[in-house]
PDB file of all heavy atoms in Angstrom:
ATOM      1  N   ARG A   1    -202.193-136.327 309.269  1.00  0.00           N
ATOM      2  CA  ARG A   1    -201.442-135.827 310.423  1.00  0.00           C
ATOM      3  C   ARG A   1    -202.373-135.399 311.551  1.00  0.00           C
ATOM      4  O   ARG A   1    -202.068-135.606 312.734  1.00  0.00           O
ATOM      5  CB  ARG A   1    -200.549-134.661 309.987  1.00  0.00           C
ATOM      6  CG  ARG A   1    -199.449-135.085 309.028  1.00  0.00           C
ATOM      7  CD  ARG A   1    -198.442-133.985 308.801  1.00  0.00           C
ATOM      8  NE  ARG A   1    -197.463-134.354 307.778  1.00  0.00           N
ATOM      9  CZ  ARG A   1    -196.222-133.901 307.737  1.00  0.00           C
ATOM     10  NH1 ARG A   1    -195.789-133.060 308.663  1.00  0.00           N
ATOM     11  NH2 ARG A   1    -195.412-134.278 306.777  1.00  0.00           N
ATOM     12  N   VAL A   2    -203.498-134.823 311.189  1.00  0.00           N
ATOM     13  CA  VAL A   2    -204.466-134.399 312.199  1.00  0.00           C
ATOM     14  C   VAL A   2    -205.126-135.603 312.871  1.00  0.00           C
ATOM     15  O   VAL A   2    -205.290-135.630 314.100  1.00  0.00           O
ATOM     16  CB  VAL A   2    -205.526-133.476 311.566  1.00  0.00           C
ATOM     17  CG1 VAL A   2    -206.703-133.278 312.517  1.00  0.00           C
ATOM     18  CG2 VAL A   2    -204.907-132.130 311.213  1.00  0.00           C
ATOM     19  N   ILE A   3    -205.526-136.600 312.096  1.00  0.00           N
ATOM     20  CA  ILE A   3    -206.146-137.802 312.667  1.00  0.00           C
ATOM     21  C   ILE A   3    -205.243-138.420 313.726  1.00  0.00           C
ATOM     22  O   ILE A   3    -205.711-138.883 314.775  1.00  0.00           O
ATOM     23  CB  ILE A   3    -206.449-138.828 311.554  1.00  0.00           C
ATOM     24  CG1 ILE A   3    -207.609-138.358 310.672  1.00  0.00           C
ATOM     25  CG2 ILE A   3    -206.775-140.199 312.150  1.00  0.00           C
ATOM     26  CD1 ILE A   3    -207.823-139.227 309.448  1.00  0.00           C
ATOM     27  N   ASP A   4    -203.950-138.425 313.459  1.00  0.00           N
ATOM     28  CA  ASP A   4    -202.986-139.089 314.345  1.00  0.00           C
ATOM     29  C   ASP A   4    -202.721-138.328 315.637  1.00  0.00           C
ATOM     30  O   ASP A   4    -202.086-138.867 316.547  1.00  0.00           O
ATOM     31  CB  ASP A   4    -201.658-139.291 313.610  1.00  0.00           C
ATOM     32  CG  ASP A   4    -201.734-140.371 312.548  1.00  0.00           C
ATOM     33  OD1 ASP A   4    -202.710-141.138 312.558  1.00  0.00           O
ATOM     34  OD2 ASP A   4    -200.818-140.446 311.710  1.00  0.00           O
ATOM     35  N   LYS A   5    -203.196-137.096 315.738  1.00  0.00           N
ATOM     36  CA  LYS A   5    -202.882-136.263 316.906  1.00  0.00           C
ATOM     37  C   LYS A   5    -204.178-135.687 317.482  1.00  0.00           C
ATOM     38  O   LYS A   5    -204.618-134.612 317.097  1.00  0.00           O
ATOM     39  CB  LYS A   5    -201.923-135.135 316.500  1.00  0.00           C
ATOM     40  CG  LYS A   5    -201.401-134.306 317.664  1.00  0.00           C
ATOM     41  CD  LYS A   5    -200.401-133.267 317.157  1.00  0.00           C
ATOM     42  CE  LYS A   5    -199.867-132.429 318.307  1.00  0.00           C
ATOM     43  NZ  LYS A   5    -198.894-131.399 317.814  1.00  0.00           N
ATOM     44  N   PRO A   6    -204.820-136.410 318.402  1.00  0.00           N
ATOM     45  CA  PRO A   6    -206.086-135.918 318.960  1.00  0.00           C
ATOM     46  C   PRO A   6    -205.953-134.511 319.544  1.00  0.00           C
ATOM     47  O   PRO A   6    -204.917-134.144 320.099  1.00  0.00           O
ATOM     48  CB  PRO A   6    -206.385-136.948 320.061  1.00  0.00           C
ATOM     49  CG  PRO A   6    -205.733-138.198 319.593  1.00  0.00           C
ATOM     50  CD  PRO A   6    -204.464-137.740 318.922  1.00  0.00           C
ATOM     51  N   ALA A   7    -207.015-133.758 319.392  1.00  0.00           N
ATOM     52  CA  ALA A   7    -207.032-132.370 319.863  1.00  0.00           C
ATOM     53  C   ALA A   7    -206.769-132.297 321.364  1.00  0.00           C
ATOM     54  O   ALA A   7    -207.205-133.160 322.137  1.00  0.00           O
ATOM     55  CB  ALA A   7    -208.383-131.745 319.538  1.00  0.00           C
ATOM     56  N   GLN A   8    -206.051-131.259 321.759  1.00  0.00           N
ATOM     57  CA  GLN A   8    -205.741-131.014 323.158  1.00  0.00           C
ATOM     58  C   GLN A   8    -206.346-129.686 323.598  1.00  0.00           C
ATOM     59  O   GLN A   8    -206.522-128.765 322.792  1.00  0.00           O
ATOM     60  CB  GLN A   8    -204.217-130.969 323.360  1.00  0.00           C
ATOM     61  CG  GLN A   8    -203.487-132.227 322.941  1.00  0.00           C
ATOM     62  CD  GLN A   8    -203.763-133.395 323.857  1.00  0.00           C
ATOM     63  OE1 GLN A   8    -203.813-133.239 325.069  1.00  0.00           O
ATOM     64  NE2 GLN A   8    -203.953-134.583 323.275  1.00  0.00           N
ATOM     65  N   ALA A   9    -206.642-129.594 324.865  1.00  0.00           N
ATOM     66  CA  ALA A   9    -207.108-128.326 325.423  1.00  0.00           C
ATOM     67  C   ALA A   9    -205.983-127.299 325.385  1.00  0.00           C
ATOM     68  O   ALA A   9    -204.797-127.638 325.460  1.00  0.00           O
ATOM     69  CB  ALA A   9    -207.582-128.534 326.852  1.00  0.00           C
ATOM     70  N   ASN A  10    -206.354-126.036 325.219  1.00  0.00           N
ATOM     71  CA  ASN A  10    -205.392-124.941 325.261  1.00  0.00           C
ATOM     72  C   ASN A  10    -205.352-124.390 326.690  1.00  0.00           C
ATOM     73  O   ASN A  10    -206.296-123.734 327.130  1.00  0.00           O
ATOM     74  CB  ASN A  10    -205.818-123.847 324.282  1.00  0.00           C
ATOM     75  CG  ASN A  10    -204.904-122.634 324.324  1.00  0.00           C
ATOM     76  OD1 ASN A  10    -203.885-122.624 325.013  1.00  0.00           O
ATOM     77  ND2 ASN A  10    -205.269-121.586 323.587  1.00  0.00           N
ATOM     78  N   PRO A  11    -204.257-124.625 327.438  1.00  0.00           N
ATOM     79  CA  PRO A  11    -204.207-124.193 328.839  1.00  0.00           C
ATOM     80  C   PRO A  11    -204.228-122.677 329.003  1.00  0.00           C
ATOM     81  O   PRO A  11    -204.510-122.172 330.092  1.00  0.00           O
ATOM     82  CB  PRO A  11    -202.890-124.794 329.342  1.00  0.00           C
ATOM     83  CG  PRO A  11    -202.069-125.006 328.114  1.00  0.00           C
ATOM     84  CD  PRO A  11    -203.036-125.323 327.018  1.00  0.00           C
ATOM     85  N   LYS A  12    -203.955-121.954 327.917  1.00  0.00           N
ATOM     86  CA  LYS A  12    -203.928-120.488 327.985  1.00  0.00           C
ATOM     87  C   LYS A  12    -205.264-119.857 327.597  1.00  0.00           C
ATOM     88  O   LYS A  12    -205.395-118.630 327.616  1.00  0.00           O
ATOM     89  CB  LYS A  12    -202.819-119.953 327.075  1.00  0.00           C
ATOM     90  CG  LYS A  12    -201.418-120.392 327.489  1.00  0.00           C
ATOM     91  CD  LYS A  12    -200.357-119.816 326.548  1.00  0.00           C
ATOM     92  CE  LYS A  12    -198.961-120.273 326.976  1.00  0.00           C
ATOM     93  NZ  LYS A  12    -197.908-119.726 326.057  1.00  0.00           N
ATOM     94  N   TRP A  13    -206.230-120.677 327.247  1.00  0.00           N
ATOM     95  CA  TRP A  13    -207.524-120.146 326.816  1.00  0.00           C
ATOM     96  C   TRP A  13    -208.262-119.507 327.990  1.00  0.00           C
ATOM     97  O   TRP A  13    -208.331-120.078 329.079  1.00  0.00           O
ATOM     98  CB  TRP A  13    -208.362-121.271 326.224  1.00  0.00           C
ATOM     99  CG  TRP A  13    -209.581-120.813 325.461  1.00  0.00           C
ATOM    100  CD1 TRP A  13    -209.655-120.567 324.127  1.00  0.00           C
ATOM    101  CD2 TRP A  13    -210.891-120.560 325.983  1.00  0.00           C
ATOM    102  NE1 TRP A  13    -210.929-120.171 323.783  1.00  0.00           N
ATOM    103  CE2 TRP A  13    -211.704-120.154 324.904  1.00  0.00           C
ATOM    104  CE3 TRP A  13    -211.448-120.623 327.261  1.00  0.00           C
ATOM    105  CZ2 TRP A  13    -213.047-119.827 325.056  1.00  0.00           C
ATOM    106  CZ3 TRP A  13    -212.782-120.289 327.423  1.00  0.00           C
ATOM    107  CH2 TRP A  13    -213.571-119.897 326.324  1.00  0.00           C
ATOM    108  N   VAL A  14    -208.823-118.323 327.767  1.00  0.00           N
ATOM    109  CA  VAL A  14    -209.577-117.630 328.808  1.00  0.00           C
ATOM    110  C   VAL A  14    -210.897-117.115 328.237  1.00  0.00           C
ATOM    111  O   VAL A  14    -210.963-116.672 327.097  1.00  0.00           O
ATOM    112  CB  VAL A  14    -208.780-116.454 329.415  1.00  0.00           C
ATOM    113  CG1 VAL A  14    -207.614-116.969 330.250  1.00  0.00           C
ATOM    114  CG2 VAL A  14    -208.281-115.514 328.330  1.00  0.00           C
ATOM    115  N   GLY A  15    -211.923-117.174 329.035  1.00  0.00           N
ATOM    116  CA  GLY A  15    -213.255-116.826 328.575  1.00  0.00           C
ATOM    117  C   GLY A  15    -213.500-115.350 328.378  1.00  0.00           C
ATOM    118  O   GLY A  15    -214.408-114.969 327.635  1.00  0.00           O
ATOM    119  N   ASP A  16    -212.700-114.485 329.019  1.00  0.00           N
ATOM    120  CA  ASP A  16    -212.931-113.052 328.843  1.00  0.00           C
ATOM    121  C   ASP A  16    -212.245-112.505 327.588  1.00  0.00           C
ATOM    122  O   ASP A  16    -212.440-111.357 327.216  1.00  0.00           O
ATOM    123  CB  ASP A  16    -212.496-112.264 330.085  1.00  0.00           C
ATOM    124  CG  ASP A  16    -211.034-112.479 330.452  1.00  0.00           C
ATOM    125  OD1 ASP A  16    -210.352-113.238 329.744  1.00  0.00           O
ATOM    126  OD2 ASP A  16    -210.580-111.893 331.457  1.00  0.00           O
ATOM    127  N   ASN A  17    -211.436-113.345 326.946  1.00  0.00           N
ATOM    128  CA  ASN A  17    -210.852-113.004 325.644  1.00  0.00           C
ATOM    129  C   ASN A  17    -210.758-114.291 324.832  1.00  0.00           C
ATOM    130  O   ASN A  17    -209.673-114.778 324.532  1.00  0.00           O
ATOM    131  CB  ASN A  17    -209.476-112.357 325.814  1.00  0.00           C
ATOM    132  CG  ASN A  17    -208.898-111.879 324.489  1.00  0.00           C
ATOM    133  OD1 ASN A  17    -209.629-111.582 323.538  1.00  0.00           O
ATOM    134  ND2 ASN A  17    -207.579-111.825 324.415  1.00  0.00           N
ATOM    135  N   PRO A  18    -211.896-114.872 324.460  1.00  0.00           N
ATOM    136  CA  PRO A  18    -211.909-116.226 323.896  1.00  0.00           C
ATOM    137  C   PRO A  18    -211.281-116.317 322.514  1.00  0.00           C
ATOM    138  O   PRO A  18    -211.560-115.515 321.633  1.00  0.00           O
ATOM    139  CB  PRO A  18    -213.401-116.570 323.848  1.00  0.00           C
ATOM    140  CG  PRO A  18    -214.100-115.250 323.791  1.00  0.00           C
ATOM    141  CD  PRO A  18    -213.251-114.301 324.579  1.00  0.00           C
ATOM    142  N   ASP A  19    -210.444-117.335 322.349  1.00  0.00           N
ATOM    143  CA  ASP A  19    -209.818-117.629 321.059  1.00  0.00           C
ATOM    144  C   ASP A  19    -210.739-118.565 320.285  1.00  0.00           C
ATOM    145  O   ASP A  19    -210.975-119.692 320.722  1.00  0.00           O
ATOM    146  CB  ASP A  19    -208.464-118.284 321.291  1.00  0.00           C
ATOM    147  CG  ASP A  19    -207.833-118.828 320.027  1.00  0.00           C
ATOM    148  OD1 ASP A  19    -208.276-118.435 318.923  1.00  0.00           O
ATOM    149  OD2 ASP A  19    -206.899-119.646 320.136  1.00  0.00           O
ATOM    150  N   PRO A  20    -211.293-118.141 319.126  1.00  0.00           N
ATOM    151  CA  PRO A  20    -212.225-118.993 318.380  1.00  0.00           C
ATOM    152  C   PRO A  20    -211.624-120.299 317.880  1.00  0.00           C
ATOM    153  O   PRO A  20    -212.358-121.255 317.615  1.00  0.00           O
ATOM    154  CB  PRO A  20    -212.635-118.104 317.199  1.00  0.00           C
ATOM    155  CG  PRO A  20    -212.390-116.709 317.648  1.00  0.00           C
ATOM    156  CD  PRO A  20    -211.172-116.793 318.523  1.00  0.00           C
ATOM    157  N   GLY A  21    -210.298-120.359 317.735  1.00  0.00           N
ATOM    158  CA  GLY A  21    -209.673-121.539 317.131  1.00  0.00           C
ATOM    159  C   GLY A  21    -209.275-122.622 318.106  1.00  0.00           C
ATOM    160  O   GLY A  21    -208.923-123.728 317.697  1.00  0.00           O
ATOM    161  N   THR A  22    -209.324-122.326 319.414  1.00  0.00           N
ATOM    162  CA  THR A  22    -208.960-123.307 320.433  1.00  0.00           C
ATOM    163  C   THR A  22    -209.976-123.217 321.566  1.00  0.00           C
ATOM    164  O   THR A  22    -210.979-122.523 321.463  1.00  0.00           O
ATOM    165  CB  THR A  22    -207.540-123.065 320.969  1.00  0.00           C
ATOM    166  OG1 THR A  22    -207.517-121.818 321.688  1.00  0.00           O
ATOM    167  CG2 THR A  22    -206.517-123.012 319.846  1.00  0.00           C
ATOM    168  N   SER A  23    -209.697-123.926 322.677  1.00  0.00           N
ATOM    169  CA  SER A  23    -210.642-123.937 323.782  1.00  0.00           C
ATOM    170  C   SER A  23    -209.968-124.501 325.025  1.00  0.00           C
ATOM    171  O   SER A  23    -208.884-125.098 324.949  1.00  0.00           O
ATOM    172  CB  SER A  23    -211.856-124.803 323.422  1.00  0.00           C
ATOM    173  OG  SER A  23    -212.738-124.937 324.520  1.00  0.00           O
ATOM    174  N   SER A  24    -210.629-124.327 326.154  1.00  0.00           N
ATOM    175  CA  SER A  24    -210.212-125.029 327.374  1.00  0.00           C
ATOM    176  C   SER A  24    -210.598-126.498 327.306  1.00  0.00           C
ATOM    177  O   SER A  24    -210.178-127.298 328.126  1.00  0.00           O
ATOM    178  CB  SER A  24    -210.849-124.375 328.599  1.00  0.00           C
ATOM    179  OG  SER A  24    -212.258-124.385 328.481  1.00  0.00           O
TER     180      SER A  24
END
């Protein structure tokens, strides 16, 4: 299921409170 769905940027990601599991 993961292979079939390429990773997407997280539009809510911010550098002053970074989420380790996602990214811009």
